[in-house]
Protein backbone atom coordinates (compact mmCIF):
# COMPACT_ATOMS: atom_id res chain seq x y z
CA UNK A 1 -0.02 -0.12 0.01
CA UNK A 2 0.93 3.31 -0.46
CA UNK A 3 1.98 5.68 2.83
CA UNK A 4 -0.85 7.70 2.98
CA UNK A 5 -3.05 4.49 3.19
CA UNK A 6 -0.66 3.25 6.10
CA UNK A 7 -1.04 6.64 8.17
CA UNK A 8 -4.98 6.50 7.79
CA UNK A 9 -4.61 2.92 9.05
CA UNK A 10 -2.43 4.17 11.83
CA UNK A 11 -4.79 6.91 13.04
CA UNK A 12 -7.61 4.24 12.78
CA UNK A 13 -5.91 1.93 14.99
CA UNK A 14 -5.81 5.61 17.86
CA UNK A 15 -9.28 5.57 17.66
CA UNK A 16 -9.70 8.66 15.41
CA UNK A 17 -13.27 9.65 14.88
CA UNK A 18 -13.09 12.72 12.83
CA UNK A 19 -10.48 14.79 11.44
CA UNK A 20 -11.22 18.75 11.37
CA UNK A 21 -9.69 20.73 8.59
CA UNK A 22 -8.96 22.57 5.25
CA UNK A 23 -6.87 20.48 2.79
CA UNK A 24 -4.35 21.63 0.02
CA UNK A 25 -2.78 20.08 -3.26
CA UNK A 26 -0.13 18.46 -0.76
CA UNK A 27 -2.82 16.63 1.28
CA UNK A 28 -4.05 15.06 -1.88
CA UNK A 29 -2.88 11.84 -1.57
CA UNK A 30 -4.02 11.92 2.40
CA UNK A 31 -7.72 13.01 1.60
CA UNK A 32 -7.58 10.13 -1.08
CA UNK A 33 -6.78 7.27 2.09
CA UNK A 34 -9.13 9.18 4.20
CA UNK A 35 -12.28 8.40 1.52
CA UNK A 36 -12.00 4.85 2.04
CA UNK A 37 -11.40 4.81 6.02
CA UNK A 38 -13.81 4.85 9.08
CA UNK A 39 -12.97 8.42 9.77
CA UNK A 40 -15.23 11.43 9.17
CA UNK A 41 -13.37 14.41 7.63
CA UNK A 42 -15.29 17.59 8.66
CA UNK A 43 -14.50 20.36 6.10
CA UNK A 44 -14.41 23.86 8.00
CA UNK A 45 -14.17 27.40 6.62
CA UNK A 46 -10.82 28.19 8.37
CA UNK A 47 -8.07 25.99 9.92
CA UNK A 48 -8.09 28.01 12.95
CA UNK A 49 -11.44 26.54 13.39
CA UNK A 50 -10.45 23.22 12.78
CA UNK A 51 -7.84 23.47 15.13
CA UNK A 52 -9.99 24.66 18.04
CA UNK A 53 -12.72 22.02 17.18
CA UNK A 54 -9.89 19.30 17.76
CA UNK A 55 -8.93 21.27 21.01
CA UNK A 56 -12.42 20.95 22.70
CA UNK A 57 -13.16 17.00 21.30
CA UNK A 58 -9.96 16.41 23.38
CA UNK A 59 -10.94 18.19 26.23
CA UNK A 60 -14.30 16.03 26.61
CA UNK A 61 -13.41 13.25 25.54
CA UNK A 62 -9.51 12.76 26.58
CA UNK A 63 -8.80 11.22 23.67
CA UNK A 64 -6.38 13.18 20.97
CA UNK A 65 -8.61 15.11 18.32
CA UNK A 66 -7.00 15.76 14.70
CA UNK A 67 -7.15 18.77 12.73
CA UNK A 68 -5.16 18.85 9.28
CA UNK A 69 -4.03 21.76 7.28
CA UNK A 70 -1.92 22.09 4.04
CA UNK A 71 1.48 23.53 3.99
CA UNK A 72 2.80 27.39 4.14
CA UNK A 73 -0.88 29.67 5.12
CA UNK A 74 -2.74 26.24 5.72
CA UNK A 75 -0.29 25.43 8.51
CA UNK A 76 0.53 28.77 10.02
CA UNK A 77 -3.41 29.33 10.24
CA UNK A 78 -3.46 26.06 12.69
CA UNK A 79 -0.97 27.74 14.65
CA UNK A 80 -3.50 29.66 17.13
CA UNK A 81 -6.24 26.65 17.74
CA UNK A 82 -3.04 24.51 18.51
CA UNK A 83 -1.43 26.62 20.80
CA UNK A 84 -4.63 27.06 22.40
CA UNK A 85 -5.06 23.12 23.26
CA UNK A 86 -1.15 23.04 24.34
CA UNK A 87 -1.25 25.94 26.82
CA UNK A 88 -4.92 24.54 28.03
CA UNK A 89 -3.67 21.05 28.54
CA UNK A 90 -5.95 19.45 25.74
CA UNK A 91 -4.90 16.49 23.39
CA UNK A 92 -4.23 17.32 19.84
CA UNK A 93 -2.42 15.64 17.06
CA UNK A 94 -2.36 18.09 14.13
CA UNK A 95 -1.13 17.02 10.70
CA UNK A 96 0.02 19.35 7.71
CA UNK A 97 1.05 18.94 4.54
CA UNK A 98 4.77 19.59 3.15
CA UNK A 99 6.53 20.28 -0.16
CA UNK A 100 8.07 17.28 -1.75
CA UNK A 101 11.13 16.82 -0.26
CA UNK A 102 13.19 17.22 -3.40
CA UNK A 103 12.37 20.85 -3.05
CA UNK A 104 12.37 21.36 0.56
CA UNK A 105 16.41 22.59 0.81
CA UNK A 106 15.91 25.49 -1.51
CA UNK A 107 13.54 28.49 -1.92
CA UNK A 108 10.31 27.12 -3.28
CA UNK A 109 7.05 27.72 -3.52
CA UNK A 110 5.00 28.07 0.20
CA UNK A 111 8.05 26.22 1.32
CA UNK A 112 8.61 27.02 5.15
CA UNK A 113 9.95 25.29 8.02
CA UNK A 114 6.61 24.19 9.48
CA UNK A 115 8.05 21.77 12.12
CA UNK A 116 10.34 24.30 13.59
CA UNK A 117 7.25 26.81 13.65
CA UNK A 118 5.07 24.52 15.63
CA UNK A 119 7.66 22.74 18.05
CA UNK A 120 7.01 26.24 20.53
CA UNK A 121 3.54 25.70 20.93
CA UNK A 122 3.15 21.83 21.44
CA UNK A 123 5.13 18.99 23.03
CA UNK A 124 6.32 17.25 20.13
CA UNK A 125 6.85 18.15 16.21
CA UNK A 126 8.12 15.76 13.62
CA UNK A 127 8.28 15.11 10.02
CA UNK A 128 8.01 11.88 8.17
CA UNK A 129 11.26 11.42 6.72
CA UNK A 130 10.36 7.89 5.37
CA UNK A 131 7.28 5.97 5.03
CA UNK A 132 8.36 3.27 7.46
CA UNK A 133 8.48 5.24 10.05
CA UNK A 134 4.84 6.18 9.98
CA UNK A 135 3.46 3.98 12.75
CA UNK A 136 6.07 4.94 15.07
CA UNK A 137 6.08 8.67 14.57
CA UNK A 138 1.69 8.41 14.68
CA UNK A 139 1.99 6.01 17.77
CA UNK A 140 4.31 8.34 19.48
CA UNK A 141 2.41 11.53 18.79
CA UNK A 142 -0.70 10.24 20.09
CA UNK A 143 0.86 9.03 23.29
CA UNK A 144 2.70 12.35 23.92
CA UNK A 145 -0.68 14.58 23.42
CA UNK A 146 -2.73 12.27 25.75
CA UNK A 147 0.19 11.89 28.65
CA UNK A 148 -0.02 14.09 31.76
CA UNK A 149 -0.61 16.91 31.12
CA UNK A 150 -2.23 16.60 27.60
CA UNK A 151 -1.06 18.86 24.80
CA UNK A 152 -0.89 19.46 21.16
CA UNK A 153 1.72 17.17 18.94
CA UNK A 154 2.67 17.83 15.24
CA UNK A 155 3.38 15.20 12.40
CA UNK A 156 4.36 16.44 8.69
CA UNK A 157 3.91 14.42 5.82
CA UNK A 158 5.46 15.87 2.53
CA UNK A 159 3.38 14.92 -0.91
CA UNK A 160 6.26 12.68 -2.18
CA UNK A 161 6.30 10.49 0.75
CA UNK A 162 2.32 10.19 1.24
CA UNK A 163 2.88 7.92 -2.58
CA UNK A 164 5.53 5.95 -1.72
CA UNK A 165 4.81 1.93 -1.34
CA UNK A 166 5.25 0.76 2.42
CA UNK A 167 4.50 -2.53 3.85
CA UNK A 168 4.75 -1.53 7.76
CA UNK A 169 1.75 -2.28 10.01
CA UNK A 170 -0.25 0.10 12.64
CA UNK A 171 1.40 0.11 16.20
CA UNK A 172 -1.85 -0.92 18.41
CA UNK A 173 -2.75 1.93 20.90
CA UNK A 174 -1.74 0.60 24.47
CA UNK A 175 -3.42 1.98 27.71
CA UNK A 176 -0.67 2.80 30.18
CA UNK A 177 -1.10 2.96 33.93
CA UNK A 178 0.26 6.49 35.14
CA UNK A 179 2.73 6.68 38.43
CA UNK A 180 1.59 6.86 41.59
CA UNK A 181 3.11 8.77 44.61
CA UNK A 182 4.63 6.18 47.57
CA UNK A 183 3.07 5.99 51.11
CA UNK A 184 5.42 7.93 52.74
CA UNK A 185 5.11 11.09 50.84
CA UNK A 186 1.25 11.19 51.12
CA UNK A 187 1.17 10.36 54.78
CA UNK A 188 3.36 13.83 54.94
CA UNK A 189 0.45 15.41 53.50
CA UNK A 190 -1.89 13.93 55.86
CA UNK A 191 0.03 15.34 58.58
CA UNK A 192 0.04 19.00 57.36
CA UNK A 193 -3.58 18.63 56.68
CA UNK A 194 -4.36 17.11 60.23
CA UNK A 195 -1.95 20.05 61.85
CA UNK A 196 -3.69 22.86 59.89
CA UNK A 197 -6.29 24.85 61.58
CA UNK A 198 -7.85 26.66 58.13
CA UNK A 199 -6.73 24.63 55.29
CA UNK A 200 -7.95 25.04 51.79
CA UNK A 201 -8.06 23.21 48.60
CA UNK A 202 -7.21 25.38 44.97
CA UNK A 203 -8.67 23.05 42.21
CA UNK A 204 -7.00 23.65 39.04
CA UNK A 205 -7.44 22.19 35.67
CA UNK A 206 -6.24 18.84 36.16
CA UNK A 207 -9.28 18.00 38.83
CA UNK A 208 -11.87 18.29 35.95
CA UNK A 209 -10.41 14.56 34.58
CA UNK A 210 -13.12 12.30 35.83
CA UNK A 211 -11.38 10.13 38.19
CA UNK A 212 -9.64 12.93 40.04
CA UNK A 213 -12.97 14.85 40.18
CA UNK A 214 -14.96 12.28 41.61
CA UNK A 215 -11.82 11.67 44.08
CA UNK A 216 -12.03 15.08 45.02
CA UNK A 217 -16.02 15.28 45.67
CA UNK A 218 -15.23 12.41 47.87
CA UNK A 219 -12.43 13.98 49.83
CA UNK A 220 -14.12 17.58 50.18
CA UNK A 221 -17.19 15.72 51.10
CA UNK A 222 -15.39 13.79 54.30
CA UNK A 223 -13.21 16.49 55.20
CA UNK A 224 -15.42 19.58 54.99
CA UNK A 225 -12.45 21.14 53.41
CA UNK A 226 -13.03 24.82 51.24
CA UNK A 227 -12.79 24.35 47.43
CA UNK A 228 -12.08 26.70 45.34
CA UNK A 229 -11.78 26.49 41.45
CA UNK A 230 -9.89 28.29 38.98
CA UNK A 231 -11.48 29.14 35.86
CA UNK A 232 -10.75 25.87 34.33
CA UNK A 233 -11.29 24.08 37.21
CA UNK A 234 -15.08 24.86 37.31
CA UNK A 235 -17.44 21.66 37.78
CA UNK A 236 -14.26 19.82 40.10
CA UNK A 237 -17.36 19.60 42.82
CA UNK A 238 -20.98 20.49 42.72
CA UNK A 239 -21.69 24.21 42.57
CA UNK A 240 -24.05 23.06 45.69
CA UNK A 241 -21.53 21.40 47.76
CA UNK A 242 -21.62 23.82 50.90
CA UNK A 243 -17.77 23.76 51.00
CA UNK A 244 -18.00 25.01 47.50
CA UNK A 245 -16.21 28.96 47.33
CA UNK A 246 -16.47 29.12 43.70
CA UNK A 247 -13.98 30.36 41.69
CA UNK A 248 -10.75 32.55 41.87
CA UNK A 249 -8.81 33.83 39.14
CA UNK A 250 -9.97 37.84 38.53
CA UNK A 251 -6.85 40.25 39.11
CA UNK A 252 -9.19 42.35 41.27
CA UNK A 253 -9.17 40.99 44.84
CA UNK A 254 -12.58 38.65 44.98
CA UNK A 255 -14.87 37.72 48.12
CA UNK A 256 -13.34 34.44 47.61
CA UNK A 257 -9.80 35.22 48.01
CA UNK A 258 -10.59 35.84 51.49
CA UNK A 259 -10.81 31.90 52.21
CA UNK A 260 -6.99 32.10 51.07
CA UNK A 261 -6.12 35.10 53.07
CA UNK A 262 -7.13 33.45 56.35
CA UNK A 263 -5.69 30.19 55.42
CA UNK A 264 -2.47 28.23 56.81
CA UNK A 265 -2.29 25.48 54.57
CA UNK A 266 -3.14 25.61 50.53
CA UNK A 267 -3.16 22.10 49.08
CA UNK A 268 -3.22 22.84 45.19
CA UNK A 269 -4.64 20.17 43.06
CA UNK A 270 -3.83 19.95 39.43
CA UNK A 271 -3.48 23.82 39.51
CA UNK A 272 -1.48 25.20 36.69
CA UNK A 273 0.64 28.54 36.69
CA UNK A 274 -0.43 29.79 33.78
CA UNK A 275 -4.25 30.09 34.85
CA UNK A 276 -3.94 32.24 37.89
CA UNK A 277 -0.45 33.50 39.20
CA UNK A 278 0.76 32.73 42.67
CA UNK A 279 1.73 36.36 43.34
CA UNK A 280 -1.70 36.99 42.96
CA UNK A 281 -3.02 34.95 46.18
CA UNK A 282 0.34 34.55 47.63
CA UNK A 283 1.97 38.27 47.45
CA UNK A 284 4.17 37.23 50.53
CA UNK A 285 4.89 33.74 49.79
CA UNK A 286 4.52 32.66 53.06
CA UNK A 287 1.78 30.31 52.51
CA UNK A 288 2.44 26.46 53.05
CA UNK A 289 1.59 24.79 50.19
CA UNK A 290 1.12 21.00 49.08
CA UNK A 291 1.33 20.58 45.75
CA UNK A 292 -0.27 17.54 44.19
CA UNK A 293 -0.68 16.76 40.48
CA UNK A 294 0.60 15.02 37.04
CA UNK A 295 3.75 16.98 37.45
CA UNK A 296 6.28 18.50 39.80
CA UNK A 297 5.59 21.99 39.96
CA UNK A 298 6.76 25.28 38.17
CA UNK A 299 9.40 27.12 40.33
CA UNK A 300 8.49 30.30 41.44
CA UNK A 301 9.06 33.06 43.72
CA UNK A 302 5.27 33.14 45.07
CA UNK A 303 5.16 29.24 44.76
CA UNK A 304 7.28 27.81 47.79
CA UNK A 305 6.16 24.22 48.35
CA UNK A 306 6.53 22.62 51.77
CA UNK A 307 5.56 18.95 50.37
CA UNK A 308 5.29 17.95 46.72
CA UNK A 309 3.59 14.95 45.52
CA UNK A 310 3.70 14.24 41.76
CA UNK A 311 2.05 11.13 40.32
CA UNK A 312 -1.56 10.47 38.92
CA UNK A 313 -4.14 12.90 40.47
CA UNK A 314 -7.17 10.95 41.12
CA UNK A 315 -5.09 7.92 42.42
CA UNK A 316 -3.46 10.41 44.86
CA UNK A 317 -7.00 11.54 45.99
CA UNK A 318 -7.72 7.76 46.27
CA UNK A 319 -4.65 7.47 48.57
CA UNK A 320 -6.07 10.29 50.66
CA UNK A 321 -9.69 9.23 51.43
CA UNK A 322 -8.47 5.70 52.10
CA UNK A 323 -6.86 7.45 55.22
CA UNK A 324 -9.19 9.26 55.89
CA UNK A 325 -11.34 6.69 56.11
CA UNK A 326 -9.26 4.90 58.96
CA UNK A 327 -8.75 8.49 60.81
CA UNK A 328 -11.67 10.61 59.70
CA UNK A 329 -10.47 14.68 59.75
CA UNK A 330 -13.22 16.78 59.90
CA UNK A 331 -13.59 20.68 59.58
CA UNK A 332 -16.85 22.52 59.64
CA UNK A 333 -18.30 23.61 56.61
CA UNK A 334 -20.54 26.05 58.35
CA UNK A 335 -17.65 28.41 58.36
CA UNK A 336 -17.40 28.60 54.92
CA UNK A 337 -21.35 29.79 54.96
CA UNK A 338 -20.77 33.42 54.98
CA UNK A 339 -18.73 33.27 52.05
CA UNK A 340 -21.16 31.44 50.06
CA UNK A 341 -23.73 33.46 51.44
CA UNK A 342 -22.67 37.10 49.78
CA UNK A 343 -21.59 34.92 46.55
CA UNK A 344 -24.95 33.52 46.22
CA UNK A 345 -26.58 36.75 47.14
CA UNK A 346 -24.51 38.48 44.72
CA UNK A 347 -25.57 36.30 41.95
CA UNK A 348 -29.08 36.92 42.39
CA UNK A 349 -28.80 40.54 42.81
CA UNK A 350 -30.18 41.34 39.45
CA UNK A 351 -31.89 37.86 38.51
CA UNK A 352 -35.49 39.82 38.32
CA UNK A 353 -34.45 42.79 36.05
CA UNK A 354 -36.49 44.44 33.65
CA UNK A 355 -34.29 46.58 31.95
CA UNK A 356 -34.97 47.56 28.37
CA UNK A 357 -32.11 48.19 25.89
CA UNK A 358 -29.30 46.55 27.46
CA UNK A 359 -28.83 44.31 30.12
CA UNK A 360 -26.51 43.39 32.60
CA UNK A 361 -24.25 40.59 32.43
CA UNK A 362 -25.51 39.25 36.22
CA UNK A 363 -29.07 38.97 34.65
CA UNK A 364 -27.85 36.91 31.69
CA UNK A 365 -25.92 34.51 33.38
CA UNK A 366 -28.75 33.87 35.85
CA UNK A 367 -31.07 33.10 33.10
CA UNK A 368 -28.31 31.18 30.98
CA UNK A 369 -27.66 28.90 34.44
CA UNK A 370 -31.64 28.17 34.34
CA UNK A 371 -32.08 27.44 31.02
CA UNK A 372 -29.13 24.72 31.05
CA UNK A 373 -28.81 21.44 32.67
CA UNK A 374 -26.75 19.68 34.87
CA UNK A 375 -24.78 18.57 32.21
CA UNK A 376 -25.51 20.80 29.23
CA UNK A 377 -22.42 22.38 28.10
CA UNK A 378 -21.74 25.88 28.36
CA UNK A 379 -18.32 27.65 26.28
CA UNK A 380 -16.97 31.04 27.16
CA UNK A 381 -14.99 33.00 23.69
CA UNK A 382 -12.65 35.27 25.73
CA UNK A 383 -13.50 38.72 26.28
CA UNK A 384 -15.05 40.77 29.16
CA UNK A 385 -17.82 38.19 29.37
CA UNK A 386 -15.58 35.65 29.92
CA UNK A 387 -14.82 37.44 33.45
CA UNK A 388 -18.17 37.65 34.16
CA UNK A 389 -18.81 33.77 33.26
CA UNK A 390 -16.06 32.86 35.30
CA UNK A 391 -17.34 34.77 38.71
CA UNK A 392 -20.94 34.26 38.35
CA UNK A 393 -21.22 30.82 36.02
CA UNK A 394 -21.28 27.59 38.59
CA UNK A 395 -21.56 23.71 37.34
CA UNK A 396 -22.66 20.51 38.72
CA UNK A 397 -20.27 18.52 36.30
CA UNK A 398 -16.89 18.61 35.30
CA UNK A 399 -16.53 19.98 31.49
CA UNK A 400 -19.71 21.86 31.61
CA UNK A 401 -18.14 25.05 31.05
CA UNK A 402 -15.18 25.21 28.58
CA UNK A 403 -12.94 28.42 29.32
CA UNK A 404 -9.94 29.22 26.98
CA UNK A 405 -7.61 30.65 30.55
CA UNK A 406 -4.20 29.26 29.36
CA UNK A 407 -3.66 30.76 25.81
CA UNK A 408 -6.73 32.38 26.15
CA UNK A 409 -7.47 33.08 22.50
CA UNK A 410 -10.46 34.84 21.25
CA UNK A 411 -12.59 33.10 18.67
CA UNK A 412 -12.60 29.60 20.51
CA UNK A 413 -16.26 29.28 21.40
CA UNK A 414 -18.10 29.26 18.12
CA UNK A 415 -15.89 25.93 16.48
CA UNK A 416 -15.51 25.05 19.86
CA UNK A 417 -19.25 24.49 20.39
CA UNK A 418 -19.64 22.35 16.97
CA UNK A 419 -17.20 19.78 18.28
CA UNK A 420 -18.81 19.88 21.89
CA UNK A 421 -22.09 18.97 20.06
CA UNK A 422 -20.82 16.29 17.77
CA UNK A 423 -19.31 14.74 20.96
CA UNK A 424 -22.93 15.55 22.98
CA UNK A 425 -25.39 15.42 20.33
CA UNK A 426 -28.18 14.93 23.38
CA UNK A 427 -27.01 17.47 25.29
CA UNK A 428 -27.67 21.44 24.76
CA UNK A 429 -24.62 23.39 23.99
CA UNK A 430 -24.68 27.05 24.58
CA UNK A 431 -21.59 29.34 23.21
CA UNK A 432 -20.99 32.73 24.38
CA UNK A 433 -18.89 34.95 22.37
CA UNK A 434 -18.44 39.18 22.49
CA UNK A 435 -18.86 40.82 18.89
CA UNK A 436 -15.34 40.89 18.69
CA UNK A 437 -14.41 37.26 19.18
CA UNK A 438 -17.50 36.02 17.29
CA UNK A 439 -16.69 37.84 14.02
CA UNK A 440 -12.74 36.09 14.13
CA UNK A 441 -14.40 33.04 13.39
CA UNK A 442 -18.05 33.61 11.60
CA UNK A 443 -17.57 31.37 8.62
CA UNK A 444 -17.47 28.73 10.77
CA UNK A 445 -21.42 29.06 11.02
CA UNK A 446 -21.96 27.58 7.86
CA UNK A 447 -19.94 24.14 8.71
CA UNK A 448 -22.54 24.29 11.82
CA UNK A 449 -25.58 24.65 9.66
CA UNK A 450 -24.09 21.49 7.21
CA UNK A 451 -23.09 19.18 9.43
CA UNK A 452 -26.30 19.52 11.58
CA UNK A 453 -25.06 20.86 14.70
CA UNK A 454 -28.00 22.76 16.38
CA UNK A 455 -25.80 25.03 19.06
CA UNK A 456 -26.84 28.17 19.69
CA UNK A 457 -24.21 31.07 19.78
CA UNK A 458 -25.00 34.20 22.12
CA UNK A 459 -23.40 37.42 21.07
CA UNK A 460 -22.72 39.71 23.83
CA UNK A 461 -23.01 43.20 21.62
CA UNK A 462 -21.21 46.04 22.83
CA UNK A 463 -19.66 47.56 19.54
CA UNK A 464 -15.95 47.11 21.02
CA UNK A 465 -12.99 45.47 22.99
CA UNK A 466 -14.94 45.64 26.23
CA UNK A 467 -12.21 43.54 28.25
CA UNK A 468 -9.30 45.56 26.96
CA UNK A 469 -10.97 48.77 27.50
CA UNK A 470 -11.82 47.73 31.46
CA UNK A 471 -8.61 47.22 31.78
CA UNK A 472 -7.30 50.24 30.51
CA UNK A 473 -9.71 52.31 32.43
CA UNK A 474 -8.54 50.37 35.47
CA UNK A 475 -4.81 51.15 34.99
CA UNK A 476 -5.02 53.90 33.58
CA UNK A 477 -8.35 55.85 34.05
CA UNK A 478 -9.38 56.15 30.37
CA UNK A 479 -8.92 53.84 27.46
CA UNK A 480 -7.90 54.15 23.66
CA UNK A 481 -10.25 53.75 20.99
CA UNK A 482 -11.27 50.58 21.04
CA UNK A 483 -14.80 50.46 19.29
CA UNK A 484 -15.98 49.50 16.24
CA UNK A 485 -19.31 48.71 13.99
CA UNK A 486 -21.31 45.36 13.76
CA UNK A 487 -23.27 44.07 10.99
CA UNK A 488 -27.08 43.09 11.58
CA UNK A 489 -26.34 39.85 13.33
CA UNK A 490 -29.87 38.85 12.98
CA UNK A 491 -29.86 38.96 9.08
CA UNK A 492 -26.13 37.55 9.06
CA UNK A 493 -27.65 34.52 11.01
CA UNK A 494 -30.04 34.31 8.49
CA UNK A 495 -27.61 34.55 5.32
CA UNK A 496 -26.10 31.13 6.83
CA UNK A 497 -29.51 29.83 7.22
CA UNK A 498 -29.59 29.72 11.24
CA UNK A 499 -32.08 31.30 13.16
CA UNK A 500 -31.35 35.04 14.60
CA UNK A 501 -32.90 36.42 17.54
CA UNK A 502 -32.62 39.93 19.11
CA UNK A 503 -33.10 40.37 22.57
CA UNK A 504 -34.48 43.81 23.96
CA UNK A 505 -35.68 43.25 27.49
CA UNK A 506 -34.25 41.59 30.09
CA UNK A 507 -37.83 39.56 30.68
CA UNK A 508 -37.27 38.22 27.19
CA UNK A 509 -33.95 36.47 27.76
CA UNK A 510 -34.87 32.90 29.42
CA UNK A 511 -37.73 32.62 26.41
CA UNK A 512 -35.49 33.44 23.84
CA UNK A 513 -32.67 30.82 24.61
CA UNK A 514 -35.68 28.29 25.21
CA UNK A 515 -37.08 29.36 21.65
CA UNK A 516 -33.43 28.67 20.36
CA UNK A 517 -32.75 25.22 21.89
CA UNK A 518 -36.01 24.26 20.44
CA UNK A 519 -34.92 25.60 17.03
CA UNK A 520 -34.62 23.31 13.98
CA UNK A 521 -31.24 24.48 13.18
CA UNK A 522 -28.50 26.78 14.81
CA UNK A 523 -29.57 29.47 16.48
CA UNK A 524 -27.68 33.22 17.13
CA UNK A 525 -28.97 35.16 20.25
CA UNK A 526 -27.67 38.44 20.34
CA UNK A 527 -27.95 40.35 23.70
CA UNK A 528 -27.35 44.20 23.90
CA UNK A 529 -24.73 44.23 27.33
CA UNK A 530 -24.81 46.75 30.00
CA UNK A 531 -20.54 46.76 30.56
CA UNK A 532 -21.33 49.81 32.48
CA UNK A 533 -21.45 46.62 35.28
CA UNK A 534 -17.56 46.17 34.75
CA UNK A 535 -16.20 49.26 36.70
CA UNK A 536 -18.93 49.17 39.01
CA UNK A 537 -17.54 45.32 39.77
CA UNK A 538 -13.76 46.36 39.79
CA UNK A 539 -14.86 49.09 42.36
CA UNK A 540 -16.94 46.42 44.60
CA UNK A 541 -14.30 44.18 44.29
CA UNK A 542 -11.34 46.14 45.40
CA UNK A 543 -12.85 47.70 48.40
CA UNK A 544 -13.03 44.16 50.05
CA UNK A 545 -10.74 43.96 52.80
CA UNK A 546 -12.50 42.65 55.63
CA UNK A 547 -12.34 38.79 56.62
CA UNK A 548 -15.51 36.43 56.69
């Protein structure tokens, strides 16, 4: 068989169901071989959207998803989505074409060092230099992509190599067991917990893995220790748990930060410094810290570790739970109720708004939470709305609120929602975008309609780059010119054969969402947002100083 046939067989052996992408001439052999496989090719309208789709598919399934582009501009268009997956810890394999190997050594059409370009944004990048290497390269790419912590890997296939004859076979994919910590180090953690008066858990992205979340819930239930999540740790335990203290991550000091201020021990679980820097919660570098994660901790002045536990996070939590069963530890969850009361009151303050013309973010998210079920999926794009979602929208289950908070790329939510609907066709999937981020991948409205993914996209319309304006005003007292004009979004939706709904009054928002989810096609819901609330929130958070 030809090398491209073997490549496809290797992808099938890895369990690949979809490849998202835009092919080019240099992918021709690959695409012809793909026609005869069990893998479905999802043609997208931009390579960046393809990478975001693979990113979200990997987040939700835990299996490395695949995106495809050609050489040159096709490859460079993939970079943003691939980097997003890599920094947000989503398993992904990106495949690019390349010029005939007989012209790669010289100046030639669209020829560039694609592997070199991908190396800074992947865990591993490699060209196929001999067809017999394909099974090894593919198996390694998927193995590295899915090894904790997950990320992106890149494979390059030149057009002439794809045509060459080959007799090799795929290497079977074998599930491996991750290493676990020894008893001695786990006992040290238990000693620290038993001696602490006010411990608190800071749960990061690693805790939304299925087994880790299950064990964390048992640990939190058994001990009563307060749990604060990062933006990407949402759903690690239920929002209704009496010791869930909501999220941390805003630059201004929030109410939940008071729990860390009062803590004499911070237990970080699956925490990535890329999400929320420790100088923001440990400015004096004086907190006692237990680091529990799949990998050793990053070295940082404000992240000085007392005990470091490296190994499978779910298993580590299981080891702690087994010790708790033998010698119970119980902290009073009632001590956290004042924090929860303040936050819950804050969430509900504007739930009955009846404003006309523009709607407060708090009201929008109250209604979104009311309309979405416990296992439905919300995806947040990047912008001012992300900050409101991070603070005001909370979850019952892991992986039901997807936020890009490592690489933080605008344009993530619309294509990501398409992938989420492919993975979970029976769930409601809602993407919330700013008008800036939405238009960055607007072309893939056509993809959603063509492949029958009936998602709902909500635009918070303020006609400007609201998050940058918010931050400039906080720092300088004014902002540079960041406003722009928009198309008629309802007409735009209809032009793509979507349903379009314009919401003008706060009381109409929840019914509009129900109507959107009941539609026989994807639906765009446009909400004029009141970002006057941004500065009010900053002012309020800036005045938080008392202990709770």
